Amino acid sequence: QVQLVESGGGLVQAGGSLRLSCAASGRTFSTYIMSWSRQAPGKEREFVAQITGSSGNTLYADSVKGRFTISKDNAKNTVYLQMNSLKPEDTAVYYCVAGLSEYEYWGQGTQVTVSS
């Protein structure tokens, strides 16, 4: 059983920055594939960014590439999403996701709102 708790969301102006955090349970956190997804009003959930457990390789959606950075701190069992140059279209509920073998665990989400 993996528990995920997101934090760091809020209201920012376009062009601003936010850093989201996701605290995870489990002693094997370093092996998890961690990712962020988001869901905007009236839209389906979409993938944002991913970092692999073993290699630390990262992957980003085209819509956020060059603006967002995913990272993790294994000592703190925490994954981060640094969001720069935010746009109104980034407004969404952001979810932290942990991938273990054939299972996925989702956090409760944190709201990010970007004003024009």
PDB file of N, CA and C in Angstrom:
ATOM      1  N   GLN A   1       0.838  -1.186   0.000  1.00  0.00           N
ATOM      2  CA  GLN A   1       0.000   0.000   0.000  1.00  0.00           C
ATOM      3  C   GLN A   1       0.881   1.246   0.000  1.00  0.00           C
ATOM      4  N   VAL A   2       0.642   2.132  -0.952  1.00  0.00           N
ATOM      5  CA  VAL A   2       1.375   3.377  -1.074  1.00  0.00           C
ATOM      6  C   VAL A   2       0.410   4.540  -0.896  1.00  0.00           C
ATOM      7  N   GLN A   3       0.775   5.473  -0.036  1.00  0.00           N
ATOM      8  CA  GLN A   3      -0.016   6.677   0.174  1.00  0.00           C
ATOM      9  C   GLN A   3       0.744   7.885  -0.346  1.00  0.00           C
ATOM     10  N   LEU A   4       0.037   8.768  -1.047  1.00  0.00           N
ATOM     11  CA  LEU A   4       0.629   9.943  -1.665  1.00  0.00           C
ATOM     12  C   LEU A   4      -0.130  11.187  -1.223  1.00  0.00           C
ATOM     13  N   VAL A   5       0.612  12.227  -0.844  1.00  0.00           N
ATOM     14  CA  VAL A   5       0.008  13.477  -0.406  1.00  0.00           C
ATOM     15  C   VAL A   5       0.655  14.628  -1.162  1.00  0.00           C
ATOM     16  N   GLU A   6      -0.137  15.306  -2.005  1.00  0.00           N
ATOM     17  CA  GLU A   6       0.355  16.447  -2.770  1.00  0.00           C
ATOM     18  C   GLU A   6       0.177  17.737  -1.979  1.00  0.00           C
ATOM     19  N   SER A   7       1.051  18.705  -2.259  1.00  0.00           N
ATOM     20  CA  SER A   7       0.940  20.027  -1.671  1.00  0.00           C
ATOM     21  C   SER A   7       1.632  21.032  -2.585  1.00  0.00           C
ATOM     22  N   GLY A   8       1.413  22.312  -2.330  1.00  0.00           N
ATOM     23  CA  GLY A   8       2.094  23.365  -3.061  1.00  0.00           C
ATOM     24  C   GLY A   8       1.265  24.065  -4.112  1.00  0.00           C
ATOM     25  N   GLY A   9       0.043  23.602  -4.338  1.00  0.00           N
ATOM     26  CA  GLY A   9      -0.810  24.265  -5.299  1.00  0.00           C
ATOM     27  C   GLY A   9      -1.270  25.615  -4.799  1.00  0.00           C
ATOM     28  N   GLY A  10      -1.849  26.394  -5.705  1.00  0.00           N
ATOM     29  CA  GLY A  10      -2.330  27.713  -5.336  1.00  0.00           C
ATOM     30  C   GLY A  10      -2.678  28.541  -6.540  1.00  0.00           C
ATOM     31  N   LEU A  11      -2.847  29.839  -6.313  1.00  0.00           N
ATOM     32  CA  LEU A  11      -3.202  30.797  -7.351  1.00  0.00           C
ATOM     33  C   LEU A  11      -1.990  31.662  -7.680  1.00  0.00           C
ATOM     34  N   VAL A  12      -1.630  31.708  -8.959  1.00  0.00           N
ATOM     35  CA  VAL A  12      -0.516  32.534  -9.422  1.00  0.00           C
ATOM     36  C   VAL A  12      -0.902  33.252 -10.699  1.00  0.00           C
ATOM     37  N   GLN A  13      -0.185  34.321 -11.001  1.00  0.00           N
ATOM     38  CA  GLN A  13      -0.388  35.048 -12.243  1.00  0.00           C
ATOM     39  C   GLN A  13       0.379  34.383 -13.378  1.00  0.00           C
ATOM     40  N   ALA A  14      -0.095  34.578 -14.593  1.00  0.00           N
ATOM     41  CA  ALA A  14       0.605  34.056 -15.757  1.00  0.00           C
ATOM     42  C   ALA A  14       2.058  34.528 -15.756  1.00  0.00           C
ATOM     43  N   GLY A  15       2.964  33.610 -16.080  1.00  0.00           N
ATOM     44  CA  GLY A  15       4.381  33.902 -16.048  1.00  0.00           C
ATOM     45  C   GLY A  15       5.052  33.579 -14.728  1.00  0.00           C
ATOM     46  N   GLY A  16       4.264  33.284 -13.717  1.00  0.00           N
ATOM     47  CA  GLY A  16       4.793  32.971 -12.409  1.00  0.00           C
ATOM     48  C   GLY A  16       5.210  31.522 -12.274  1.00  0.00           C
ATOM     49  N   SER A  17       5.603  31.144 -11.049  1.00  0.00           N
ATOM     50  CA  SER A  17       6.115  29.806 -10.781  1.00  0.00           C
ATOM     51  C   SER A  17       5.478  29.208  -9.541  1.00  0.00           C
ATOM     52  N   LEU A  18       5.413  27.890  -9.517  1.00  0.00           N
ATOM     53  CA  LEU A  18       4.993  27.122  -8.357  1.00  0.00           C
ATOM     54  C   LEU A  18       5.822  25.847  -8.297  1.00  0.00           C
ATOM     55  N   ARG A  19       6.019  25.332  -7.096  1.00  0.00           N
ATOM     56  CA  ARG A  19       6.639  24.028  -6.926  1.00  0.00           C
ATOM     57  C   ARG A  19       5.695  23.118  -6.159  1.00  0.00           C
ATOM     58  N   LEU A  20       5.273  22.046  -6.807  1.00  0.00           N
ATOM     59  CA  LEU A  20       4.429  21.051  -6.174  1.00  0.00           C
ATOM     60  C   LEU A  20       5.285  19.980  -5.522  1.00  0.00           C
ATOM     61  N   SER A  21       4.813  19.451  -4.403  1.00  0.00           N
ATOM     62  CA  SER A  21       5.489  18.372  -3.706  1.00  0.00           C
ATOM     63  C   SER A  21       4.538  17.197  -3.538  1.00  0.00           C
ATOM     64  N   CYS A  22       5.095  16.005  -3.539  1.00  0.00           N
ATOM     65  CA  CYS A  22       4.325  14.792  -3.313  1.00  0.00           C
ATOM     66  C   CYS A  22       5.105  13.909  -2.359  1.00  0.00           C
ATOM     67  N   ALA A  23       4.592  13.745  -1.151  1.00  0.00           N
ATOM     68  CA  ALA A  23       5.214  12.898  -0.144  1.00  0.00           C
ATOM     69  C   ALA A  23       4.619  11.506  -0.227  1.00  0.00           C
ATOM     70  N   ALA A  24       5.482  10.503  -0.322  1.00  0.00           N
ATOM     71  CA  ALA A  24       5.049   9.124  -0.503  1.00  0.00           C
ATOM     72  C   ALA A  24       5.473   8.258   0.670  1.00  0.00           C
ATOM     73  N   SER A  25       4.660   7.268   0.971  1.00  0.00           N
ATOM     74  CA  SER A  25       5.018   6.263   1.959  1.00  0.00           C
ATOM     75  C   SER A  25       5.828   5.159   1.291  1.00  0.00           C
ATOM     76  N   GLY A  26       6.440   4.312   2.109  1.00  0.00           N
ATOM     77  CA  GLY A  26       7.149   3.159   1.580  1.00  0.00           C
ATOM     78  C   GLY A  26       8.656   3.278   1.635  1.00  0.00           C
ATOM     79  N   ARG A  27       9.315   2.203   2.011  1.00  0.00           N
ATOM     80  CA  ARG A  27      10.769   2.174   2.117  1.00  0.00           C
ATOM     81  C   ARG A  27      11.446   1.986   0.768  1.00  0.00           C
ATOM     82  N   THR A  28      10.700   1.572  -0.228  1.00  0.00           N
ATOM     83  CA  THR A  28      11.253   1.337  -1.557  1.00  0.00           C
ATOM     84  C   THR A  28      10.906   2.460  -2.528  1.00  0.00           C
ATOM     85  N   PHE A  29      10.734   3.663  -2.014  1.00  0.00           N
ATOM     86  CA  PHE A  29      10.357   4.814  -2.831  1.00  0.00           C
ATOM     87  C   PHE A  29      11.304   5.013  -4.007  1.00  0.00           C
ATOM     88  N   SER A  30      12.592   4.772  -3.788  1.00  0.00           N
ATOM     89  CA  SER A  30      13.582   5.019  -4.827  1.00  0.00           C
ATOM     90  C   SER A  30      13.367   4.171  -6.069  1.00  0.00           C
ATOM     91  N   THR A  31      12.621   3.089  -5.947  1.00  0.00           N
ATOM     92  CA  THR A  31      12.356   2.206  -7.077  1.00  0.00           C
ATOM     93  C   THR A  31      11.077   2.564  -7.827  1.00  0.00           C
ATOM     94  N   TYR A  32      10.261   3.446  -7.267  1.00  0.00           N
ATOM     95  CA  TYR A  32       8.983   3.783  -7.894  1.00  0.00           C
ATOM     96  C   TYR A  32       9.190   4.607  -9.156  1.00  0.00           C
ATOM     97  N   ILE A  33       8.301   4.425 -10.114  1.00  0.00           N
ATOM     98  CA  ILE A  33       8.185   5.353 -11.224  1.00  0.00           C
ATOM     99  C   ILE A  33       7.168   6.413 -10.807  1.00  0.00           C
ATOM    100  N   MET A  34       7.637   7.633 -10.636  1.00  0.00           N
ATOM    101  CA  MET A  34       6.782   8.717 -10.178  1.00  0.00           C
ATOM    102  C   MET A  34       6.401   9.628 -11.337  1.00  0.00           C
ATOM    103  N   SER A  35       5.169  10.095 -11.316  1.00  0.00           N
ATOM    104  CA  SER A  35       4.715  10.973 -12.381  1.00  0.00           C
ATOM    105  C   SER A  35       3.689  11.961 -11.857  1.00  0.00           C
ATOM    106  N   TRP A  36       3.433  12.973 -12.673  1.00  0.00           N
ATOM    107  CA  TRP A  36       2.384  13.944 -12.423  1.00  0.00           C
ATOM    108  C   TRP A  36       1.420  13.938 -13.595  1.00  0.00           C
ATOM    109  N   SER A  37       0.130  13.957 -13.285  1.00  0.00           N
ATOM    110  CA  SER A  37      -0.917  14.123 -14.278  1.00  0.00           C
ATOM    111  C   SER A  37      -1.800  15.270 -13.830  1.00  0.00           C
ATOM    112  N   ARG A  38      -2.622  15.781 -14.736  1.00  0.00           N
ATOM    113  CA  ARG A  38      -3.502  16.886 -14.384  1.00  0.00           C
ATOM    114  C   ARG A  38      -4.836  16.754 -15.101  1.00  0.00           C
ATOM    115  N   GLN A  39      -5.843  17.394 -14.530  1.00  0.00           N
ATOM    116  CA  GLN A  39      -7.156  17.415 -15.139  1.00  0.00           C
ATOM    117  C   GLN A  39      -7.739  18.813 -15.012  1.00  0.00           C
ATOM    118  N   ALA A  40      -7.987  19.441 -16.153  1.00  0.00           N
ATOM    119  CA  ALA A  40      -8.581  20.768 -16.202  1.00  0.00           C
ATOM    120  C   ALA A  40     -10.096  20.648 -16.321  1.00  0.00           C
ATOM    121  N   PRO A  41     -10.830  21.692 -15.937  1.00  0.00           N
ATOM    122  CA  PRO A  41     -12.287  21.655 -16.048  1.00  0.00           C
ATOM    123  C   PRO A  41     -12.738  21.375 -17.474  1.00  0.00           C
ATOM    124  N   GLY A  42     -13.635  20.417 -17.629  1.00  0.00           N
ATOM    125  CA  GLY A  42     -14.167  20.079 -18.938  1.00  0.00           C
ATOM    126  C   GLY A  42     -13.242  19.263 -19.814  1.00  0.00           C
ATOM    127  N   LYS A  43     -12.091  18.860 -19.303  1.00  0.00           N
ATOM    128  CA  LYS A  43     -11.137  18.081 -20.077  1.00  0.00           C
ATOM    129  C   LYS A  43     -10.819  16.768 -19.371  1.00  0.00           C
ATOM    130  N   GLU A  44     -10.291  15.825 -20.135  1.00  0.00           N
ATOM    131  CA  GLU A  44      -9.891  14.561 -19.550  1.00  0.00           C
ATOM    132  C   GLU A  44      -8.506  14.685 -18.929  1.00  0.00           C
ATOM    133  N   ARG A  45      -8.188  13.762 -18.033  1.00  0.00           N
ATOM    134  CA  ARG A  45      -6.903  13.774 -17.379  1.00  0.00           C
ATOM    135  C   ARG A  45      -5.784  13.545 -18.382  1.00  0.00           C
ATOM    136  N   GLU A  46      -4.677  14.284 -18.218  1.00  0.00           N
ATOM    137  CA  GLU A  46      -3.563  14.155 -19.138  1.00  0.00           C
ATOM    138  C   GLU A  46      -2.240  14.011 -18.391  1.00  0.00           C
ATOM    139  N   PHE A  47      -1.325  13.303 -19.003  1.00  0.00           N
ATOM    140  CA  PHE A  47       0.011  13.123 -18.480  1.00  0.00           C
ATOM    141  C   PHE A  47       0.795  14.425 -18.545  1.00  0.00           C
ATOM    142  N   VAL A  48       1.599  14.695 -17.507  1.00  0.00           N
ATOM    143  CA  VAL A  48       2.407  15.906 -17.452  1.00  0.00           C
ATOM    144  C   VAL A  48       3.902  15.586 -17.480  1.00  0.00           C
ATOM    145  N   ALA A  49       4.375  14.769 -16.533  1.00  0.00           N
ATOM    146  CA  ALA A  49       5.805  14.496 -16.428  1.00  0.00           C
ATOM    147  C   ALA A  49       6.036  13.203 -15.662  1.00  0.00           C
ATOM    148  N   GLN A  50       7.197  12.584 -15.881  1.00  0.00           N
ATOM    149  CA  GLN A  50       7.526  11.312 -15.255  1.00  0.00           C
ATOM    150  C   GLN A  50       9.015  11.246 -14.952  1.00  0.00           C
ATOM    151  N   ILE A  51       9.357  10.583 -13.849  1.00  0.00           N
ATOM    152  CA  ILE A  51      10.750  10.290 -13.536  1.00  0.00           C
ATOM    153  C   ILE A  51      10.839   8.834 -13.119  1.00  0.00           C
ATOM    154  N   THR A  52      11.770   8.087 -13.710  1.00  0.00           N
ATOM    155  CA  THR A  52      11.871   6.658 -13.448  1.00  0.00           C
ATOM    156  C   THR A  52      12.603   6.398 -12.144  1.00  0.00           C
ATOM    157  N   GLY A  53      12.336   5.234 -11.552  1.00  0.00           N
ATOM    158  CA  GLY A  53      12.900   4.915 -10.257  1.00  0.00           C
ATOM    159  C   GLY A  53      14.369   4.571 -10.287  1.00  0.00           C
ATOM    160  N   SER A  54      14.784   3.775 -11.246  1.00  0.00           N
ATOM    161  CA  SER A  54      16.156   3.283 -11.276  1.00  0.00           C
ATOM    162  C   SER A  54      17.125   4.259 -11.919  1.00  0.00           C
ATOM    163  N   SER A  55      16.792   4.762 -13.074  1.00  0.00           N
ATOM    164  CA  SER A  55      17.699   5.606 -13.838  1.00  0.00           C
ATOM    165  C   SER A  55      17.521   7.096 -13.573  1.00  0.00           C
ATOM    166  N   GLY A  56      16.336   7.498 -13.131  1.00  0.00           N
ATOM    167  CA  GLY A  56      16.054   8.909 -12.959  1.00  0.00           C
ATOM    168  C   GLY A  56      15.793   9.644 -14.257  1.00  0.00           C
ATOM    169  N   ASN A  57      15.591   8.907 -15.331  1.00  0.00           N
ATOM    170  CA  ASN A  57      15.258   9.535 -16.607  1.00  0.00           C
ATOM    171  C   ASN A  57      13.907  10.227 -16.514  1.00  0.00           C
ATOM    172  N   THR A  58      13.779  11.336 -17.209  1.00  0.00           N
ATOM    173  CA  THR A  58      12.556  12.129 -17.169  1.00  0.00           C
ATOM    174  C   THR A  58      11.881  12.164 -18.525  1.00  0.00           C
ATOM    175  N   LEU A  59      10.573  12.382 -18.482  1.00  0.00           N
ATOM    176  CA  LEU A  59       9.753  12.468 -19.679  1.00  0.00           C
ATOM    177  C   LEU A  59       8.690  13.531 -19.438  1.00  0.00           C
ATOM    178  N   TYR A  60       8.443  14.361 -20.459  1.00  0.00           N
ATOM    179  CA  TYR A  60       7.505  15.463 -20.312  1.00  0.00           C
ATOM    180  C   TYR A  60       6.514  15.498 -21.460  1.00  0.00           C
ATOM    181  N   ALA A  61       5.313  15.950 -21.146  1.00  0.00           N
ATOM    182  CA  ALA A  61       4.353  16.244 -22.195  1.00  0.00           C
ATOM    183  C   ALA A  61       4.847  17.437 -23.008  1.00  0.00           C
ATOM    184  N   ASP A  62       4.525  17.447 -24.292  1.00  0.00           N
ATOM    185  CA  ASP A  62       4.969  18.536 -25.151  1.00  0.00           C
ATOM    186  C   ASP A  62       4.489  19.898 -24.643  1.00  0.00           C
ATOM    187  N   SER A  63       3.330  19.927 -24.029  1.00  0.00           N
ATOM    188  CA  SER A  63       2.743  21.179 -23.583  1.00  0.00           C
ATOM    189  C   SER A  63       3.507  21.839 -22.441  1.00  0.00           C
ATOM    190  N   VAL A  64       4.333  21.071 -21.714  1.00  0.00           N
ATOM    191  CA  VAL A  64       5.061  21.617 -20.573  1.00  0.00           C
ATOM    192  C   VAL A  64       6.569  21.538 -20.728  1.00  0.00           C
ATOM    193  N   LYS A  65       7.051  20.894 -21.764  1.00  0.00           N
ATOM    194  CA  LYS A  65       8.487  20.726 -21.967  1.00  0.00           C
ATOM    195  C   LYS A  65       9.182  22.083 -22.052  1.00  0.00           C
ATOM    196  N   GLY A  66      10.273  22.218 -21.296  1.00  0.00           N
ATOM    197  CA  GLY A  66      11.009  23.465 -21.251  1.00  0.00           C
ATOM    198  C   GLY A  66      10.542  24.409 -20.171  1.00  0.00           C
ATOM    199  N   ARG A  67       9.375  24.154 -19.588  1.00  0.00           N
ATOM    200  CA  ARG A  67       8.834  25.002 -18.532  1.00  0.00           C
ATOM    201  C   ARG A  67       8.761  24.288 -17.183  1.00  0.00           C
ATOM    202  N   PHE A  68       8.476  22.984 -17.206  1.00  0.00           N
ATOM    203  CA  PHE A  68       8.324  22.200 -15.985  1.00  0.00           C
ATOM    204  C   PHE A  68       9.525  21.281 -15.801  1.00  0.00           C
ATOM    205  N   THR A  69       9.870  21.006 -14.541  1.00  0.00           N
ATOM    206  CA  THR A  69      10.939  20.077 -14.210  1.00  0.00           C
ATOM    207  C   THR A  69      10.484  19.146 -13.098  1.00  0.00           C
ATOM    208  N   ILE A  70      10.580  17.843 -13.332  1.00  0.00           N
ATOM    209  CA  ILE A  70      10.264  16.864 -12.303  1.00  0.00           C
ATOM    210  C   ILE A  70      11.567  16.384 -11.667  1.00  0.00           C
ATOM    211  N   SER A  71      11.563  16.214 -10.351  1.00  0.00           N
ATOM    212  CA  SER A  71      12.728  15.744  -9.623  1.00  0.00           C
ATOM    213  C   SER A  71      12.265  14.991  -8.388  1.00  0.00           C
ATOM    214  N   LYS A  72      13.194  14.333  -7.701  1.00  0.00           N
ATOM    215  CA  LYS A  72      12.828  13.632  -6.482  1.00  0.00           C
ATOM    216  C   LYS A  72      13.966  13.625  -5.486  1.00  0.00           C
ATOM    217  N   ASP A  73      13.608  13.457  -4.215  1.00  0.00           N
ATOM    218  CA  ASP A  73      14.553  13.352  -3.117  1.00  0.00           C
ATOM    219  C   ASP A  73      14.248  12.037  -2.409  1.00  0.00           C
ATOM    220  N   ASN A  74      15.062  11.024  -2.651  1.00  0.00           N
ATOM    221  CA  ASN A  74      14.802   9.701  -2.089  1.00  0.00           C
ATOM    222  C   ASN A  74      14.868   9.689  -0.563  1.00  0.00           C
ATOM    223  N   ALA A  75      15.730  10.516   0.022  1.00  0.00           N
ATOM    224  CA  ALA A  75      15.852  10.572   1.470  1.00  0.00           C
ATOM    225  C   ALA A  75      14.583  11.083   2.124  1.00  0.00           C
ATOM    226  N   LYS A  76      13.809  11.877   1.406  1.00  0.00           N
ATOM    227  CA  LYS A  76      12.571  12.440   1.927  1.00  0.00           C
ATOM    228  C   LYS A  76      11.329  11.770   1.363  1.00  0.00           C
ATOM    229  N   ASN A  77      11.511  10.758   0.533  1.00  0.00           N
ATOM    230  CA  ASN A  77      10.379  10.094  -0.114  1.00  0.00           C
ATOM    231  C   ASN A  77       9.453  11.101  -0.782  1.00  0.00           C
ATOM    232  N   THR A  78      10.042  12.044  -1.493  1.00  0.00           N
ATOM    233  CA  THR A  78       9.275  13.143  -2.057  1.00  0.00           C
ATOM    234  C   THR A  78       9.654  13.381  -3.515  1.00  0.00           C
ATOM    235  N   VAL A  79       8.640  13.615  -4.331  1.00  0.00           N
ATOM    236  CA  VAL A  79       8.838  14.000  -5.721  1.00  0.00           C
ATOM    237  C   VAL A  79       8.311  15.421  -5.890  1.00  0.00           C
ATOM    238  N   TYR A  80       8.953  16.187  -6.774  1.00  0.00           N
ATOM    239  CA  TYR A  80       8.614  17.583  -6.970  1.00  0.00           C
ATOM    240  C   TYR A  80       8.272  17.856  -8.429  1.00  0.00           C
ATOM    241  N   LEU A  81       7.480  18.881  -8.626  1.00  0.00           N
ATOM    242  CA  LEU A  81       7.236  19.402  -9.963  1.00  0.00           C
ATOM    243  C   LEU A  81       7.428  20.913  -9.911  1.00  0.00           C
ATOM    244  N   GLN A  82       8.544  21.372 -10.454  1.00  0.00           N
ATOM    245  CA  GLN A  82       8.815  22.803 -10.549  1.00  0.00           C
ATOM    246  C   GLN A  82       8.163  23.327 -11.817  1.00  0.00           C
ATOM    247  N   MET A  83       7.269  24.283 -11.667  1.00  0.00           N
ATOM    248  CA  MET A  83       6.508  24.818 -12.787  1.00  0.00           C
ATOM    249  C   MET A  83       6.859  26.287 -12.967  1.00  0.00           C
ATOM    250  N   ASN A  84       7.474  26.604 -14.092  1.00  0.00           N
ATOM    251  CA  ASN A  84       7.853  27.973 -14.419  1.00  0.00           C
ATOM    252  C   ASN A  84       7.084  28.451 -15.637  1.00  0.00           C
ATOM    253  N   SER A  85       7.074  29.755 -15.835  1.00  0.00           N
ATOM    254  CA  SER A  85       6.399  30.365 -16.984  1.00  0.00           C
ATOM    255  C   SER A  85       4.984  29.837 -17.133  1.00  0.00           C
ATOM    256  N   LEU A  86       4.259  29.840 -16.049  1.00  0.00           N
ATOM    257  CA  LEU A  86       2.917  29.268 -16.044  1.00  0.00           C
ATOM    258  C   LEU A  86       1.966  30.037 -16.944  1.00  0.00           C
ATOM    259  N   LYS A  87       1.063  29.291 -17.566  1.00  0.00           N
ATOM    260  CA  LYS A  87       0.068  29.834 -18.470  1.00  0.00           C
ATOM    261  C   LYS A  87      -1.325  29.520 -17.939  1.00  0.00           C
ATOM    262  N   PRO A  88      -2.328  30.314 -18.314  1.00  0.00           N
ATOM    263  CA  PRO A  88      -3.689  30.013 -17.877  1.00  0.00           C
ATOM    264  C   PRO A  88      -4.133  28.600 -18.234  1.00  0.00           C
ATOM    265  N   GLU A  89      -3.666  28.066 -19.354  1.00  0.00           N
ATOM    266  CA  GLU A  89      -4.041  26.723 -19.754  1.00  0.00           C
ATOM    267  C   GLU A  89      -3.417  25.635 -18.881  1.00  0.00           C
ATOM    268  N   ASP A  90      -2.503  26.015 -17.977  1.00  0.00           N
ATOM    269  CA  ASP A  90      -1.962  25.074 -17.000  1.00  0.00           C
ATOM    270  C   ASP A  90      -2.902  24.875 -15.822  1.00  0.00           C
ATOM    271  N   THR A  91      -3.948  25.665 -15.736  1.00  0.00           N
ATOM    272  CA  THR A  91      -4.902  25.541 -14.645  1.00  0.00           C
ATOM    273  C   THR A  91      -5.529  24.151 -14.638  1.00  0.00           C
ATOM    274  N   ALA A  92      -5.415  23.467 -13.503  1.00  0.00           N
ATOM    275  CA  ALA A  92      -5.915  22.100 -13.393  1.00  0.00           C
ATOM    276  C   ALA A  92      -5.699  21.599 -11.970  1.00  0.00           C
ATOM    277  N   VAL A  93      -6.292  20.465 -11.675  1.00  0.00           N
ATOM    278  CA  VAL A  93      -5.938  19.717 -10.481  1.00  0.00           C
ATOM    279  C   VAL A  93      -4.786  18.799 -10.853  1.00  0.00           C
ATOM    280  N   TYR A  94      -3.700  18.884 -10.108  1.00  0.00           N
ATOM    281  CA  TYR A  94      -2.505  18.100 -10.385  1.00  0.00           C
ATOM    282  C   TYR A  94      -2.431  16.916  -9.441  1.00  0.00           C
ATOM    283  N   TYR A  95      -2.196  15.739 -10.005  1.00  0.00           N
ATOM    284  CA  TYR A  95      -2.157  14.498  -9.259  1.00  0.00           C
ATOM    285  C   TYR A  95      -0.774  13.863  -9.311  1.00  0.00           C
ATOM    286  N   CYS A  96      -0.314  13.392  -8.176  1.00  0.00           N
ATOM    287  CA  CYS A  96       0.911  12.618  -8.080  1.00  0.00           C
ATOM    288  C   CYS A  96       0.567  11.143  -8.258  1.00  0.00           C
ATOM    289  N   VAL A  97       1.378  10.428  -9.028  1.00  0.00           N
ATOM    290  CA  VAL A  97       1.120   9.024  -9.325  1.00  0.00           C
ATOM    291  C   VAL A  97       2.386   8.212  -9.078  1.00  0.00           C
ATOM    292  N   ALA A  98       2.249   7.105  -8.369  1.00  0.00           N
ATOM    293  CA  ALA A  98       3.347   6.172  -8.136  1.00  0.00           C
ATOM    294  C   ALA A  98       3.075   4.880  -8.876  1.00  0.00           C
ATOM    295  N   GLY A  99       4.037   4.442  -9.670  1.00  0.00           N
ATOM    296  CA  GLY A  99       3.916   3.197 -10.407  1.00  0.00           C
ATOM    297  C   GLY A  99       4.811   2.132  -9.821  1.00  0.00           C
ATOM    298  N   LEU A 100       4.217   1.010  -9.435  1.00  0.00           N
ATOM    299  CA  LEU A 100       4.938  -0.124  -8.882  1.00  0.00           C
ATOM    300  C   LEU A 100       4.482  -1.379  -9.602  1.00  0.00           C
ATOM    301  N   SER A 101       5.397  -1.999 -10.325  1.00  0.00           N
ATOM    302  CA  SER A 101       5.050  -3.187 -11.089  1.00  0.00           C
ATOM    303  C   SER A 101       3.807  -2.913 -11.924  1.00  0.00           C
ATOM    304  N   GLU A 102       2.749  -3.700 -11.696  1.00  0.00           N
ATOM    305  CA  GLU A 102       1.533  -3.544 -12.479  1.00  0.00           C
ATOM    306  C   GLU A 102       0.511  -2.620 -11.825  1.00  0.00           C
ATOM    307  N   TYR A 103       0.871  -1.971 -10.712  1.00  0.00           N
ATOM    308  CA  TYR A 103      -0.057  -1.131  -9.973  1.00  0.00           C
ATOM    309  C   TYR A 103       0.287   0.338 -10.094  1.00  0.00           C
ATOM    310  N   GLU A 104      -0.746   1.185  -9.975  1.00  0.00           N
ATOM    311  CA  GLU A 104      -0.598   2.627  -9.876  1.00  0.00           C
ATOM    312  C   GLU A 104      -1.355   3.137  -8.657  1.00  0.00           C
ATOM    313  N   TYR A 105      -0.743   4.080  -7.942  1.00  0.00           N
ATOM    314  CA  TYR A 105      -1.366   4.710  -6.788  1.00  0.00           C
ATOM    315  C   TYR A 105      -1.430   6.204  -7.033  1.00  0.00           C
ATOM    316  N   TRP A 106      -2.582   6.788  -6.730  1.00  0.00           N
ATOM    317  CA  TRP A 106      -2.847   8.201  -7.005  1.00  0.00           C
ATOM    318  C   TRP A 106      -3.068   8.983  -5.724  1.00  0.00           C
ATOM    319  N   GLY A 107      -2.562  10.208  -5.686  1.00  0.00           N
ATOM    320  CA  GLY A 107      -2.821  11.106  -4.586  1.00  0.00           C
ATOM    321  C   GLY A 107      -4.175  11.768  -4.732  1.00  0.00           C
ATOM    322  N   GLN A 108      -4.497  12.653  -3.789  1.00  0.00           N
ATOM    323  CA  GLN A 108      -5.805  13.304  -3.776  1.00  0.00           C
ATOM    324  C   GLN A 108      -5.878  14.508  -4.711  1.00  0.00           C
ATOM    325  N   GLY A 109      -4.739  15.004  -5.145  1.00  0.00           N
ATOM    326  CA  GLY A 109      -4.685  16.132  -6.055  1.00  0.00           C
ATOM    327  C   GLY A 109      -4.512  17.458  -5.347  1.00  0.00           C
ATOM    328  N   THR A 110      -3.921  18.420  -6.047  1.00  0.00           N
ATOM    329  CA  THR A 110      -3.775  19.779  -5.539  1.00  0.00           C
ATOM    330  C   THR A 110      -4.100  20.758  -6.666  1.00  0.00           C
ATOM    331  N   GLN A 111      -4.867  21.793  -6.342  1.00  0.00           N
ATOM    332  CA  GLN A 111      -5.366  22.729  -7.347  1.00  0.00           C
ATOM    333  C   GLN A 111      -4.305  23.761  -7.708  1.00  0.00           C
ATOM    334  N   VAL A 112      -4.095  23.942  -9.003  1.00  0.00           N
ATOM    335  CA  VAL A 112      -3.242  25.000  -9.530  1.00  0.00           C
ATOM    336  C   VAL A 112      -4.101  25.889 -10.415  1.00  0.00           C
ATOM    337  N   THR A 113      -4.141  27.182 -10.099  1.00  0.00           N
ATOM    338  CA  THR A 113      -4.907  28.136 -10.881  1.00  0.00           C
ATOM    339  C   THR A 113      -3.985  29.251 -11.343  1.00  0.00           C
ATOM    340  N   VAL A 114      -3.967  29.504 -12.651  1.00  0.00           N
ATOM    341  CA  VAL A 114      -3.115  30.529 -13.242  1.00  0.00           C
ATOM    342  C   VAL A 114      -4.009  31.591 -13.861  1.00  0.00           C
ATOM    343  N   SER A 115      -3.913  32.806 -13.373  1.00  0.00           N
ATOM    344  CA  SER A 115      -4.734  33.899 -13.862  1.00  0.00           C
ATOM    345  C   SER A 115      -4.049  34.623 -15.013  1.00  0.00           C
ATOM    346  N   SER A 116      -4.855  35.268 -15.864  1.00  0.00           N
ATOM    347  CA  SER A 116      -4.326  35.989 -17.015  1.00  0.00           C
ATOM    348  C   SER A 116      -3.666  37.282 -16.599  1.00  0.00           C
TER     349      SER A 116
END
